[in-house]
Every structure is written in C-alpha cells, then in structure tokens.
Amino acid sequence: MEKETPAKVRLSLDVTPEMKAVIDGLREGATHAQVLRQGIALLKTAKDAARREEQLALIDSEGQVIARLVAY
C-alpha cells in the first residue's frame, strides 16, 4: 500500500529587508521555508504552554531562568 503525501498549500510572504536579513542569519544551511517552519513550531509550543498556564524559558548552565518566551 502506497503512503499518501499530505497536501501542501503554498503561501506568499512579504517581509521587510530587516526581517529578510534576520531569516538569512538563521538559515545555517536550511532553506527559508525550514527557518520559518521552525519559528512557527516554536511559537506554537509557546502558545500551547500558555494555554496550560506554563511558560517557555531560557535556562543558563546554572539552572537559572534568564528569559521567558511569552506568546500572546
């Protein structure tokens, strides 16, 4: 039995030159689409946590919270 490929929808996105530079800086061998997918996945994780009244946090090597990702 052949595995079905999920349907895809093409999106077009206009960004400022500054945002394009940020995306380019995050690429590190990835495509623009991969960078955006990862960013969306991170935001979804933060929003899911917020719905559960949890937070995403950056923890330093000593276990201290140094930043929190707040999703609205």
N, C-alpha and C. Protein backbone atom coordinates (compact mmCIF):
# COMPACT_ATOMS: atom_id res chain seq x y z
N MET A 1 0.85 -1.18 0.00
CA MET A 1 0.00 0.00 0.00
C MET A 1 0.89 1.25 0.00
N GLU A 2 0.63 2.16 -0.90
CA GLU A 2 1.44 3.37 -1.04
C GLU A 2 1.04 4.41 0.00
N LYS A 3 2.05 5.02 0.62
CA LYS A 3 1.81 6.05 1.63
C LYS A 3 1.41 7.36 0.95
N GLU A 4 0.34 7.99 1.46
CA GLU A 4 -0.11 9.26 0.89
C GLU A 4 0.74 10.42 1.39
N THR A 5 1.05 11.32 0.48
CA THR A 5 1.76 12.54 0.83
C THR A 5 0.73 13.59 1.22
N PRO A 6 0.90 14.22 2.40
CA PRO A 6 -0.06 15.25 2.80
C PRO A 6 -0.09 16.39 1.78
N ALA A 7 -1.28 16.94 1.58
CA ALA A 7 -1.42 18.08 0.67
C ALA A 7 -0.67 19.28 1.24
N LYS A 8 -0.13 20.08 0.37
CA LYS A 8 0.57 21.30 0.79
C LYS A 8 -0.14 22.50 0.20
N VAL A 9 -0.03 23.60 0.90
CA VAL A 9 -0.59 24.86 0.44
C VAL A 9 0.56 25.85 0.35
N ARG A 10 0.69 26.52 -0.77
CA ARG A 10 1.76 27.50 -0.96
C ARG A 10 1.31 28.84 -0.39
N LEU A 11 2.19 29.45 0.38
CA LEU A 11 1.95 30.77 0.94
C LEU A 11 2.98 31.74 0.36
N SER A 12 2.58 32.98 0.22
CA SER A 12 3.50 34.03 -0.20
C SER A 12 3.60 35.01 0.96
N LEU A 13 4.80 35.46 1.25
CA LEU A 13 5.01 36.30 2.42
C LEU A 13 5.89 37.49 2.05
N ASP A 14 5.43 38.68 2.37
CA ASP A 14 6.23 39.89 2.19
C ASP A 14 6.84 40.24 3.53
N VAL A 15 8.14 40.49 3.55
CA VAL A 15 8.84 40.89 4.77
C VAL A 15 9.70 42.12 4.47
N THR A 16 10.05 42.81 5.52
CA THR A 16 10.94 43.97 5.36
C THR A 16 12.35 43.47 5.07
N PRO A 17 13.19 44.33 4.53
CA PRO A 17 14.59 43.93 4.32
C PRO A 17 15.27 43.51 5.63
N GLU A 18 14.89 44.15 6.73
CA GLU A 18 15.47 43.79 8.03
C GLU A 18 15.07 42.37 8.44
N MET A 19 13.80 42.00 8.24
CA MET A 19 13.34 40.66 8.58
C MET A 19 13.99 39.63 7.66
N LYS A 20 14.17 39.97 6.40
CA LYS A 20 14.85 39.06 5.46
C LYS A 20 16.27 38.79 5.95
N ALA A 21 16.94 39.84 6.45
CA ALA A 21 18.30 39.68 6.97
C ALA A 21 18.31 38.77 8.20
N VAL A 22 17.30 38.90 9.05
CA VAL A 22 17.20 38.04 10.24
C VAL A 22 17.02 36.59 9.80
N ILE A 23 16.11 36.35 8.87
CA ILE A 23 15.86 34.99 8.37
C ILE A 23 17.13 34.43 7.74
N ASP A 24 17.80 35.24 6.93
CA ASP A 24 19.05 34.79 6.31
C ASP A 24 20.09 34.42 7.37
N GLY A 25 20.15 35.20 8.44
CA GLY A 25 21.11 34.93 9.50
C GLY A 25 20.81 33.64 10.27
N LEU A 26 19.57 33.21 10.24
CA LEU A 26 19.17 31.98 10.93
C LEU A 26 19.28 30.73 10.07
N ARG A 27 19.53 30.89 8.80
CA ARG A 27 19.49 29.77 7.86
C ARG A 27 20.48 28.66 8.19
N GLU A 28 21.75 28.96 8.32
CA GLU A 28 22.77 27.96 8.63
C GLU A 28 22.58 26.66 7.83
N GLY A 29 22.44 26.79 6.52
CA GLY A 29 22.29 25.62 5.65
C GLY A 29 20.85 25.21 5.41
N ALA A 30 19.92 25.78 6.14
CA ALA A 30 18.50 25.46 5.96
C ALA A 30 17.91 26.37 4.89
N THR A 31 16.75 26.02 4.41
CA THR A 31 16.04 26.88 3.46
C THR A 31 15.26 27.94 4.24
N HIS A 32 14.83 28.97 3.52
CA HIS A 32 13.97 29.98 4.15
C HIS A 32 12.73 29.31 4.74
N ALA A 33 12.14 28.39 3.98
CA ALA A 33 10.93 27.71 4.44
C ALA A 33 11.18 26.93 5.73
N GLN A 34 12.33 26.26 5.81
CA GLN A 34 12.64 25.50 7.02
C GLN A 34 12.79 26.42 8.23
N VAL A 35 13.43 27.56 8.03
CA VAL A 35 13.59 28.52 9.12
C VAL A 35 12.21 29.00 9.60
N LEU A 36 11.34 29.33 8.67
CA LEU A 36 10.01 29.80 9.05
C LEU A 36 9.20 28.70 9.71
N ARG A 37 9.30 27.47 9.22
CA ARG A 37 8.59 26.35 9.86
C ARG A 37 9.06 26.15 11.31
N GLN A 38 10.37 26.24 11.53
CA GLN A 38 10.90 26.09 12.89
C GLN A 38 10.40 27.21 13.80
N GLY A 39 10.38 28.43 13.27
CA GLY A 39 9.88 29.57 14.05
C GLY A 39 8.41 29.40 14.42
N ILE A 40 7.62 28.93 13.48
CA ILE A 40 6.20 28.70 13.73
C ILE A 40 6.01 27.59 14.76
N ALA A 41 6.82 26.53 14.65
CA ALA A 41 6.73 25.44 15.62
C ALA A 41 7.08 25.93 17.03
N LEU A 42 8.09 26.79 17.15
CA LEU A 42 8.46 27.34 18.45
C LEU A 42 7.33 28.20 19.02
N LEU A 43 6.74 29.05 18.19
CA LEU A 43 5.63 29.88 18.65
C LEU A 43 4.44 29.01 19.07
N LYS A 44 4.14 27.96 18.31
CA LYS A 44 3.04 27.05 18.67
C LYS A 44 3.31 26.39 20.02
N THR A 45 4.56 25.98 20.24
CA THR A 45 4.93 25.37 21.53
C THR A 45 4.69 26.35 22.67
N ALA A 46 5.08 27.62 22.47
CA ALA A 46 4.89 28.65 23.49
C ALA A 46 3.41 28.90 23.74
N LYS A 47 2.61 28.96 22.68
CA LYS A 47 1.17 29.18 22.84
C LYS A 47 0.49 28.00 23.53
N ASP A 48 0.88 26.78 23.16
CA ASP A 48 0.32 25.59 23.81
C ASP A 48 0.65 25.60 25.31
N ALA A 49 1.89 25.98 25.64
CA ALA A 49 2.29 26.07 27.04
C ALA A 49 1.46 27.13 27.78
N ALA A 50 1.26 28.27 27.15
CA ALA A 50 0.49 29.35 27.77
C ALA A 50 -0.95 28.90 28.06
N ARG A 51 -1.53 28.12 27.15
CA ARG A 51 -2.89 27.60 27.37
C ARG A 51 -2.94 26.68 28.59
N ARG A 52 -1.82 26.01 28.87
CA ARG A 52 -1.74 25.13 30.03
C ARG A 52 -1.23 25.89 31.27
N GLU A 53 -1.15 27.21 31.13
CA GLU A 53 -0.64 28.09 32.19
C GLU A 53 0.80 27.74 32.55
N GLU A 54 1.58 27.39 31.51
CA GLU A 54 3.01 27.12 31.64
C GLU A 54 3.76 28.17 30.83
N GLN A 55 5.08 28.19 30.97
CA GLN A 55 5.90 29.14 30.23
C GLN A 55 7.11 28.43 29.63
N LEU A 56 7.56 28.94 28.51
CA LEU A 56 8.83 28.51 27.93
C LEU A 56 9.89 29.45 28.48
N ALA A 57 11.01 28.90 28.88
CA ALA A 57 12.06 29.73 29.47
C ALA A 57 13.42 29.32 28.94
N LEU A 58 14.33 30.29 28.93
CA LEU A 58 15.74 30.05 28.63
C LEU A 58 16.43 29.87 29.98
N ILE A 59 17.14 28.75 30.11
CA ILE A 59 17.80 28.43 31.37
C ILE A 59 19.31 28.42 31.14
N ASP A 60 20.06 29.09 32.01
CA ASP A 60 21.51 29.10 31.84
C ASP A 60 22.12 27.82 32.40
N SER A 61 23.43 27.69 32.30
CA SER A 61 24.12 26.46 32.71
C SER A 61 24.01 26.20 34.21
N GLU A 62 23.62 27.20 34.97
CA GLU A 62 23.46 27.03 36.42
C GLU A 62 22.01 26.77 36.81
N GLY A 63 21.15 26.65 35.81
CA GLY A 63 19.73 26.36 36.08
C GLY A 63 18.88 27.59 36.37
N GLN A 64 19.45 28.76 36.15
CA GLN A 64 18.70 30.00 36.40
C GLN A 64 17.93 30.42 35.15
N VAL A 65 16.69 30.87 35.34
CA VAL A 65 15.91 31.40 34.22
C VAL A 65 16.49 32.74 33.82
N ILE A 66 16.85 32.87 32.54
CA ILE A 66 17.41 34.15 32.09
C ILE A 66 16.48 34.88 31.12
N ALA A 67 15.47 34.18 30.62
CA ALA A 67 14.48 34.82 29.75
C ALA A 67 13.27 33.90 29.65
N ARG A 68 12.13 34.50 29.37
CA ARG A 68 10.89 33.75 29.16
C ARG A 68 10.33 34.12 27.80
N LEU A 69 9.80 33.13 27.11
CA LEU A 69 9.13 33.37 25.83
C LEU A 69 7.65 33.46 26.11
N VAL A 70 7.10 34.65 25.94
CA VAL A 70 5.69 34.88 26.22
C VAL A 70 4.96 34.96 24.89
N ALA A 71 3.96 34.11 24.70
CA ALA A 71 3.17 34.09 23.47
C ALA A 71 1.79 34.65 23.77
N TYR A 72 1.38 35.60 22.99
CA TYR A 72 0.06 36.22 23.19
C TYR A 72 -0.96 35.64 22.25
